[in-house]
Amino acid sequence: MKANVGPVDRLVRIILGLILLSLLFILDGTIKYIGLVGIVLLITAFIKFCPLYPIFKINTNKDAKM
C-alpha cells in the first residue's frame, strides 16, 4: 500500500471530512447520516492512501511513483 495522497489533497480531505462530520450535529432526520462519509475522508487522509486512486490511475503524492 503505497501512499498516493499528497499534502494538499490530505488537507482538503481533513477539512471536508470535518465539515461532513459536523452535519451529524447540525441536520435533523435521516439526511444527517450523510455526514458519516466524513469518516472515510479522514481515514484516507491519515493513512495517506485512497483505494480509488489506483483504479483511476491518480496519484497526488509527488514523492511516490506508480
N, C-alpha and C. Protein backbone atom coordinates (compact mmCIF):
# COMPACT_ATOMS: atom_id res chain seq x y z
N MET A 1 0.85 -1.16 0.00
CA MET A 1 0.00 0.00 0.00
C MET A 1 0.90 1.24 0.00
N LYS A 2 1.13 1.78 -1.16
CA LYS A 2 1.96 2.98 -1.28
C LYS A 2 1.10 4.23 -1.08
N ALA A 3 1.69 5.24 -0.50
CA ALA A 3 0.98 6.50 -0.29
C ALA A 3 0.69 7.13 -1.64
N ASN A 4 -0.57 7.47 -1.87
CA ASN A 4 -0.94 8.11 -3.12
C ASN A 4 -1.74 9.40 -2.90
N VAL A 5 -1.78 9.87 -1.66
CA VAL A 5 -2.48 11.11 -1.33
C VAL A 5 -1.44 12.14 -0.92
N GLY A 6 -1.37 13.24 -1.66
CA GLY A 6 -0.39 14.28 -1.40
C GLY A 6 -0.82 15.22 -0.27
N PRO A 7 0.05 16.15 0.10
CA PRO A 7 -0.23 17.03 1.25
C PRO A 7 -1.43 17.96 1.04
N VAL A 8 -1.58 18.51 -0.15
CA VAL A 8 -2.73 19.40 -0.39
C VAL A 8 -4.02 18.58 -0.38
N ASP A 9 -3.96 17.42 -1.01
CA ASP A 9 -5.11 16.51 -1.02
C ASP A 9 -5.49 16.10 0.39
N ARG A 10 -4.50 15.84 1.24
CA ARG A 10 -4.77 15.48 2.64
C ARG A 10 -5.47 16.60 3.37
N LEU A 11 -4.99 17.82 3.19
CA LEU A 11 -5.59 18.97 3.86
C LEU A 11 -7.05 19.15 3.44
N VAL A 12 -7.31 19.03 2.15
CA VAL A 12 -8.68 19.16 1.65
C VAL A 12 -9.56 18.05 2.23
N ARG A 13 -9.05 16.83 2.29
CA ARG A 13 -9.81 15.71 2.84
C ARG A 13 -10.11 15.92 4.32
N ILE A 14 -9.17 16.44 5.07
CA ILE A 14 -9.39 16.68 6.50
C ILE A 14 -10.45 17.76 6.70
N ILE A 15 -10.36 18.84 5.95
CA ILE A 15 -11.33 19.93 6.08
C ILE A 15 -12.73 19.45 5.69
N LEU A 16 -12.84 18.79 4.54
CA LEU A 16 -14.15 18.30 4.10
C LEU A 16 -14.69 17.22 5.04
N GLY A 17 -13.80 16.37 5.55
CA GLY A 17 -14.22 15.34 6.48
C GLY A 17 -14.81 15.93 7.75
N LEU A 18 -14.17 16.95 8.28
CA LEU A 18 -14.68 17.59 9.49
C LEU A 18 -16.00 18.31 9.23
N ILE A 19 -16.11 18.94 8.06
CA ILE A 19 -17.36 19.61 7.71
C ILE A 19 -18.50 18.59 7.60
N LEU A 20 -18.21 17.48 6.91
CA LEU A 20 -19.25 16.46 6.76
C LEU A 20 -19.63 15.83 8.10
N LEU A 21 -18.66 15.60 8.97
CA LEU A 21 -18.98 15.05 10.29
C LEU A 21 -19.82 16.02 11.12
N SER A 22 -19.63 17.30 10.92
CA SER A 22 -20.42 18.27 11.68
C SER A 22 -21.89 18.22 11.28
N LEU A 23 -22.19 17.69 10.08
CA LEU A 23 -23.58 17.58 9.65
C LEU A 23 -24.38 16.65 10.56
N LEU A 24 -23.70 15.72 11.22
CA LEU A 24 -24.39 14.83 12.15
C LEU A 24 -25.04 15.61 13.29
N PHE A 25 -24.46 16.73 13.65
CA PHE A 25 -24.96 17.51 14.77
C PHE A 25 -25.83 18.68 14.33
N ILE A 26 -25.72 19.06 13.07
CA ILE A 26 -26.45 20.23 12.58
C ILE A 26 -27.80 19.85 11.97
N LEU A 27 -27.82 18.81 11.14
CA LEU A 27 -29.04 18.44 10.43
C LEU A 27 -29.93 17.53 11.26
N ASP A 28 -31.20 17.50 10.88
CA ASP A 28 -32.16 16.61 11.53
C ASP A 28 -32.63 15.56 10.54
N GLY A 29 -33.18 14.49 11.05
CA GLY A 29 -33.71 13.43 10.21
C GLY A 29 -32.62 12.49 9.73
N THR A 30 -32.96 11.71 8.75
CA THR A 30 -32.02 10.70 8.25
C THR A 30 -30.95 11.29 7.34
N ILE A 31 -31.16 12.49 6.84
CA ILE A 31 -30.18 13.12 5.94
C ILE A 31 -28.87 13.40 6.67
N LYS A 32 -28.92 13.51 7.98
CA LYS A 32 -27.71 13.82 8.74
C LYS A 32 -26.67 12.72 8.65
N TYR A 33 -27.07 11.50 8.32
CA TYR A 33 -26.13 10.39 8.25
C TYR A 33 -25.22 10.44 7.03
N ILE A 34 -25.49 11.36 6.13
CA ILE A 34 -24.55 11.60 5.03
C ILE A 34 -23.23 12.10 5.59
N GLY A 35 -23.28 12.69 6.75
CA GLY A 35 -22.07 13.17 7.42
C GLY A 35 -21.08 12.07 7.76
N LEU A 36 -21.53 10.84 7.80
CA LEU A 36 -20.63 9.72 8.08
C LEU A 36 -19.60 9.50 6.97
N VAL A 37 -19.85 10.04 5.81
CA VAL A 37 -18.87 9.97 4.72
C VAL A 37 -17.59 10.69 5.13
N GLY A 38 -17.72 11.64 6.02
CA GLY A 38 -16.56 12.36 6.53
C GLY A 38 -15.54 11.45 7.19
N ILE A 39 -16.00 10.35 7.77
CA ILE A 39 -15.09 9.40 8.40
C ILE A 39 -14.17 8.79 7.35
N VAL A 40 -14.72 8.46 6.20
CA VAL A 40 -13.92 7.88 5.12
C VAL A 40 -12.85 8.87 4.67
N LEU A 41 -13.22 10.13 4.52
CA LEU A 41 -12.25 11.14 4.10
C LEU A 41 -11.14 11.30 5.13
N LEU A 42 -11.50 11.30 6.40
CA LEU A 42 -10.49 11.44 7.45
C LEU A 42 -9.55 10.23 7.50
N ILE A 43 -10.10 9.04 7.35
CA ILE A 43 -9.26 7.85 7.38
C ILE A 43 -8.28 7.84 6.21
N THR A 44 -8.77 8.15 5.01
CA THR A 44 -7.86 8.16 3.85
C THR A 44 -6.83 9.27 3.96
N ALA A 45 -7.17 10.36 4.62
CA ALA A 45 -6.20 11.44 4.81
C ALA A 45 -5.09 11.01 5.77
N PHE A 46 -5.46 10.32 6.83
CA PHE A 46 -4.46 9.96 7.84
C PHE A 46 -3.59 8.77 7.44
N ILE A 47 -4.13 7.85 6.63
CA ILE A 47 -3.29 6.73 6.19
C ILE A 47 -2.59 7.04 4.87
N LYS A 48 -2.90 8.18 4.28
CA LYS A 48 -2.28 8.66 3.03
C LYS A 48 -2.50 7.71 1.86
N PHE A 49 -3.60 7.02 1.86
CA PHE A 49 -3.90 6.09 0.77
C PHE A 49 -5.39 6.13 0.47
N CYS A 50 -5.72 6.29 -0.80
CA CYS A 50 -7.10 6.25 -1.25
C CYS A 50 -7.24 5.03 -2.16
N PRO A 51 -8.11 4.08 -1.83
CA PRO A 51 -8.23 2.87 -2.63
C PRO A 51 -8.81 3.10 -4.02
N LEU A 52 -9.46 4.22 -4.25
CA LEU A 52 -9.99 4.51 -5.59
C LEU A 52 -8.94 5.08 -6.54
N TYR A 53 -7.91 5.70 -6.00
CA TYR A 53 -6.90 6.32 -6.84
C TYR A 53 -6.18 5.33 -7.77
N PRO A 54 -5.77 4.15 -7.32
CA PRO A 54 -5.11 3.23 -8.26
C PRO A 54 -6.03 2.76 -9.40
N ILE A 55 -7.31 2.66 -9.12
CA ILE A 55 -8.26 2.24 -10.15
C ILE A 55 -8.29 3.25 -11.28
N PHE A 56 -8.28 4.53 -10.92
CA PHE A 56 -8.32 5.60 -11.92
C PHE A 56 -6.95 6.14 -12.28
N LYS A 57 -5.90 5.48 -11.78
CA LYS A 57 -4.51 5.85 -12.04
C LYS A 57 -4.22 7.31 -11.66
N ILE A 58 -4.64 7.67 -10.46
CA ILE A 58 -4.41 9.01 -9.91
C ILE A 58 -3.39 8.89 -8.79
N ASN A 59 -2.48 9.84 -8.73
CA ASN A 59 -1.50 9.90 -7.65
C ASN A 59 -1.18 11.36 -7.39
N THR A 60 -1.60 11.88 -6.23
CA THR A 60 -1.33 13.28 -5.90
C THR A 60 -0.10 13.43 -5.02
N ASN A 61 0.53 12.31 -4.69
CA ASN A 61 1.73 12.34 -3.87
C ASN A 61 2.94 12.42 -4.80
N LYS A 62 3.65 13.51 -4.75
CA LYS A 62 4.80 13.71 -5.64
C LYS A 62 6.01 12.85 -5.27
N ASP A 63 6.07 12.38 -4.01
CA ASP A 63 7.20 11.56 -3.57
C ASP A 63 7.11 10.13 -4.06
N ALA A 64 5.92 9.61 -4.22
CA ALA A 64 5.73 8.22 -4.63
C ALA A 64 5.55 8.14 -6.15
N LYS A 65 6.02 7.07 -6.73
CA LYS A 65 5.86 6.85 -8.15
C LYS A 65 5.05 5.58 -8.36
N MET A 66 4.21 5.60 -9.38
CA MET A 66 3.38 4.43 -9.65
C MET A 66 4.08 3.49 -10.59
